[in-house]
């Protein structure tokens, strides 16, 4: 059984990873001038991909056979 602190830590880590790996690069690109409609569509796709990948790893937290996250 996974303790509460570990589950909480994984969730906080995911929130910060979404911010660091999707929101920050998108803000930087936006301020560099990538403001066309295709750029914004690609931003949305990118955020979806990052969030989906990180959510997948959150599902592995309850796996008792894993030694590491």
N, C-alpha and C. Protein backbone atom coordinates (compact mmCIF):
# COMPACT_ATOMS: atom_id res chain seq x y z
N UNK A 1 0.84 -1.18 0.00
CA UNK A 1 0.00 0.00 0.00
C UNK A 1 0.89 1.24 0.00
N UNK A 2 0.49 2.22 -0.78
CA UNK A 2 1.26 3.45 -0.91
C UNK A 2 0.77 4.45 0.13
N UNK A 3 1.68 5.09 0.83
CA UNK A 3 1.29 6.03 1.88
C UNK A 3 0.75 7.33 1.28
N UNK A 4 0.03 8.06 2.11
CA UNK A 4 -0.61 9.30 1.68
C UNK A 4 0.41 10.31 1.18
N UNK A 5 1.54 10.42 1.90
CA UNK A 5 2.54 11.43 1.54
C UNK A 5 3.11 11.18 0.15
N UNK A 6 3.32 9.92 -0.20
CA UNK A 6 3.85 9.59 -1.52
C UNK A 6 2.83 9.94 -2.61
N UNK A 7 1.56 9.61 -2.37
CA UNK A 7 0.52 9.93 -3.35
C UNK A 7 0.41 11.44 -3.54
N UNK A 8 0.45 12.17 -2.43
CA UNK A 8 0.38 13.62 -2.50
C UNK A 8 1.59 14.19 -3.24
N UNK A 9 2.75 13.67 -2.96
CA UNK A 9 3.97 14.13 -3.63
C UNK A 9 3.94 13.89 -5.12
N UNK A 10 3.40 12.76 -5.52
CA UNK A 10 3.30 12.46 -6.96
C UNK A 10 2.36 13.45 -7.63
N UNK A 11 1.25 13.78 -6.98
CA UNK A 11 0.30 14.72 -7.56
C UNK A 11 0.89 16.12 -7.68
N UNK A 12 1.57 16.57 -6.64
CA UNK A 12 2.21 17.89 -6.68
C UNK A 12 3.30 17.92 -7.75
N UNK A 13 4.06 16.84 -7.84
CA UNK A 13 5.10 16.75 -8.86
C UNK A 13 4.51 16.87 -10.25
N UNK A 14 3.36 16.24 -10.48
CA UNK A 14 2.71 16.31 -11.78
C UNK A 14 2.25 17.72 -12.11
N UNK A 15 1.67 18.40 -11.13
CA UNK A 15 1.22 19.77 -11.36
C UNK A 15 2.40 20.67 -11.74
N UNK A 16 3.49 20.52 -11.01
CA UNK A 16 4.66 21.34 -11.31
C UNK A 16 5.30 20.96 -12.64
N UNK A 17 5.29 19.69 -12.99
CA UNK A 17 5.82 19.27 -14.28
C UNK A 17 4.99 19.83 -15.44
N UNK A 18 3.68 19.83 -15.29
CA UNK A 18 2.83 20.42 -16.33
C UNK A 18 3.16 21.89 -16.49
N UNK A 19 3.35 22.58 -15.39
CA UNK A 19 3.70 23.99 -15.46
C UNK A 19 5.07 24.18 -16.11
N UNK A 20 6.07 23.43 -15.65
CA UNK A 20 7.44 23.63 -16.13
C UNK A 20 7.65 23.17 -17.57
N UNK A 21 7.02 22.08 -17.96
CA UNK A 21 7.28 21.52 -19.28
C UNK A 21 6.27 21.91 -20.34
N UNK A 22 5.19 22.58 -19.96
CA UNK A 22 4.24 23.01 -20.99
C UNK A 22 3.95 24.51 -20.90
N UNK A 23 3.59 24.99 -19.74
CA UNK A 23 3.18 26.40 -19.64
C UNK A 23 4.36 27.35 -19.86
N UNK A 24 5.48 27.09 -19.23
CA UNK A 24 6.63 28.00 -19.35
C UNK A 24 7.15 28.06 -20.80
N UNK A 25 7.39 26.92 -21.46
CA UNK A 25 7.85 27.03 -22.86
C UNK A 25 6.84 27.72 -23.77
N UNK A 26 5.57 27.50 -23.54
CA UNK A 26 4.54 28.14 -24.37
C UNK A 26 4.54 29.65 -24.15
N UNK A 27 4.65 30.09 -22.92
CA UNK A 27 4.71 31.53 -22.64
C UNK A 27 5.94 32.15 -23.30
N UNK A 28 7.06 31.46 -23.22
CA UNK A 28 8.28 31.98 -23.85
C UNK A 28 8.10 32.08 -25.36
N UNK A 29 7.57 31.03 -25.98
CA UNK A 29 7.35 31.07 -27.43
C UNK A 29 6.35 32.14 -27.82
N UNK A 30 5.31 32.31 -27.01
CA UNK A 30 4.31 33.33 -27.30
C UNK A 30 4.93 34.73 -27.29
N UNK A 31 5.75 35.00 -26.29
CA UNK A 31 6.37 36.31 -26.21
C UNK A 31 7.49 36.50 -27.22
N UNK A 32 7.99 35.42 -27.79
CA UNK A 32 8.98 35.53 -28.87
C UNK A 32 8.32 35.83 -30.22
N UNK A 33 6.99 35.78 -30.25
CA UNK A 33 6.30 36.18 -31.47
C UNK A 33 5.50 35.09 -32.16
N UNK A 34 5.45 33.91 -31.59
CA UNK A 34 4.67 32.83 -32.18
C UNK A 34 3.22 32.96 -31.74
N UNK A 35 2.47 33.81 -32.46
CA UNK A 35 1.10 34.14 -32.06
C UNK A 35 0.07 33.82 -33.14
N UNK A 36 0.47 33.15 -34.19
CA UNK A 36 -0.46 32.80 -35.26
C UNK A 36 -1.44 31.73 -34.77
N UNK A 37 -2.52 31.54 -35.49
CA UNK A 37 -3.54 30.58 -35.09
C UNK A 37 -2.98 29.15 -35.08
N UNK A 38 -2.10 28.83 -36.03
CA UNK A 38 -1.52 27.49 -36.06
C UNK A 38 -0.62 27.27 -34.84
N UNK A 39 0.06 28.32 -34.40
CA UNK A 39 0.89 28.21 -33.20
C UNK A 39 0.05 27.91 -31.97
N UNK A 40 -1.07 28.59 -31.86
CA UNK A 40 -1.95 28.38 -30.71
C UNK A 40 -2.54 26.98 -30.73
N UNK A 41 -2.90 26.49 -31.91
CA UNK A 41 -3.39 25.11 -32.02
C UNK A 41 -2.31 24.13 -31.59
N UNK A 42 -1.08 24.36 -32.01
CA UNK A 42 0.02 23.49 -31.61
C UNK A 42 0.28 23.57 -30.12
N UNK A 43 0.09 24.74 -29.52
CA UNK A 43 0.24 24.87 -28.07
C UNK A 43 -0.77 23.98 -27.35
N UNK A 44 -2.00 24.00 -27.81
CA UNK A 44 -3.05 23.19 -27.18
C UNK A 44 -2.74 21.71 -27.32
N UNK A 45 -2.31 21.29 -28.50
CA UNK A 45 -1.94 19.88 -28.71
C UNK A 45 -0.77 19.50 -27.80
N UNK A 46 0.21 20.38 -27.69
CA UNK A 46 1.37 20.12 -26.85
C UNK A 46 0.98 19.97 -25.39
N UNK A 47 0.13 20.87 -24.89
CA UNK A 47 -0.33 20.78 -23.50
C UNK A 47 -1.08 19.47 -23.28
N UNK A 48 -1.91 19.08 -24.23
CA UNK A 48 -2.65 17.83 -24.12
C UNK A 48 -1.69 16.64 -24.03
N UNK A 49 -0.67 16.63 -24.87
CA UNK A 49 0.30 15.53 -24.87
C UNK A 49 1.08 15.47 -23.55
N UNK A 50 1.53 16.61 -23.07
CA UNK A 50 2.29 16.64 -21.81
C UNK A 50 1.41 16.17 -20.65
N UNK A 51 0.19 16.66 -20.60
CA UNK A 51 -0.71 16.29 -19.51
C UNK A 51 -1.06 14.81 -19.56
N UNK A 52 -1.30 14.28 -20.74
CA UNK A 52 -1.63 12.87 -20.88
C UNK A 52 -0.46 11.99 -20.46
N UNK A 53 0.74 12.36 -20.86
CA UNK A 53 1.91 11.57 -20.48
C UNK A 53 2.11 11.56 -18.97
N UNK A 54 1.98 12.71 -18.34
CA UNK A 54 2.16 12.78 -16.90
C UNK A 54 1.03 12.08 -16.15
N UNK A 55 -0.18 12.14 -16.68
CA UNK A 55 -1.31 11.44 -16.05
C UNK A 55 -1.11 9.93 -16.11
N UNK A 56 -0.50 9.44 -17.18
CA UNK A 56 -0.21 8.01 -17.28
C UNK A 56 0.70 7.57 -16.14
N UNK A 57 1.72 8.33 -15.85
CA UNK A 57 2.63 7.96 -14.78
C UNK A 57 1.96 8.05 -13.41
N UNK A 58 0.96 8.89 -13.26
CA UNK A 58 0.22 8.94 -12.00
C UNK A 58 -0.57 7.67 -11.77
N UNK A 59 -0.98 7.00 -12.82
CA UNK A 59 -1.73 5.75 -12.66
C UNK A 59 -0.82 4.63 -12.17
N UNK A 60 0.48 4.77 -12.32
CA UNK A 60 1.42 3.73 -11.89
C UNK A 60 1.77 3.82 -10.41
N UNK A 61 1.27 4.82 -9.71
CA UNK A 61 1.63 5.03 -8.31
C UNK A 61 1.14 3.88 -7.44
N UNK A 62 -0.02 3.35 -7.71
CA UNK A 62 -0.60 2.29 -6.88
C UNK A 62 -0.05 0.92 -7.19
N UNK A 63 0.84 0.81 -8.15
CA UNK A 63 1.44 -0.48 -8.50
C UNK A 63 2.43 -0.88 -7.41
N UNK A 64 2.11 -1.92 -6.66
CA UNK A 64 2.96 -2.33 -5.53
C UNK A 64 4.25 -2.98 -5.96
N UNK A 65 4.37 -3.42 -7.19
CA UNK A 65 5.57 -4.09 -7.66
C UNK A 65 6.67 -3.12 -8.05
N UNK A 66 6.35 -1.85 -8.17
CA UNK A 66 7.35 -0.86 -8.59
C UNK A 66 8.23 -0.47 -7.40
N UNK A 67 9.51 -0.39 -7.64
CA UNK A 67 10.45 0.02 -6.61
C UNK A 67 10.68 1.53 -6.67
N UNK A 68 10.50 2.12 -7.84
CA UNK A 68 10.72 3.55 -8.03
C UNK A 68 9.57 4.11 -8.83
N UNK A 69 9.50 5.45 -8.87
CA UNK A 69 8.41 6.13 -9.59
C UNK A 69 8.88 6.47 -10.97
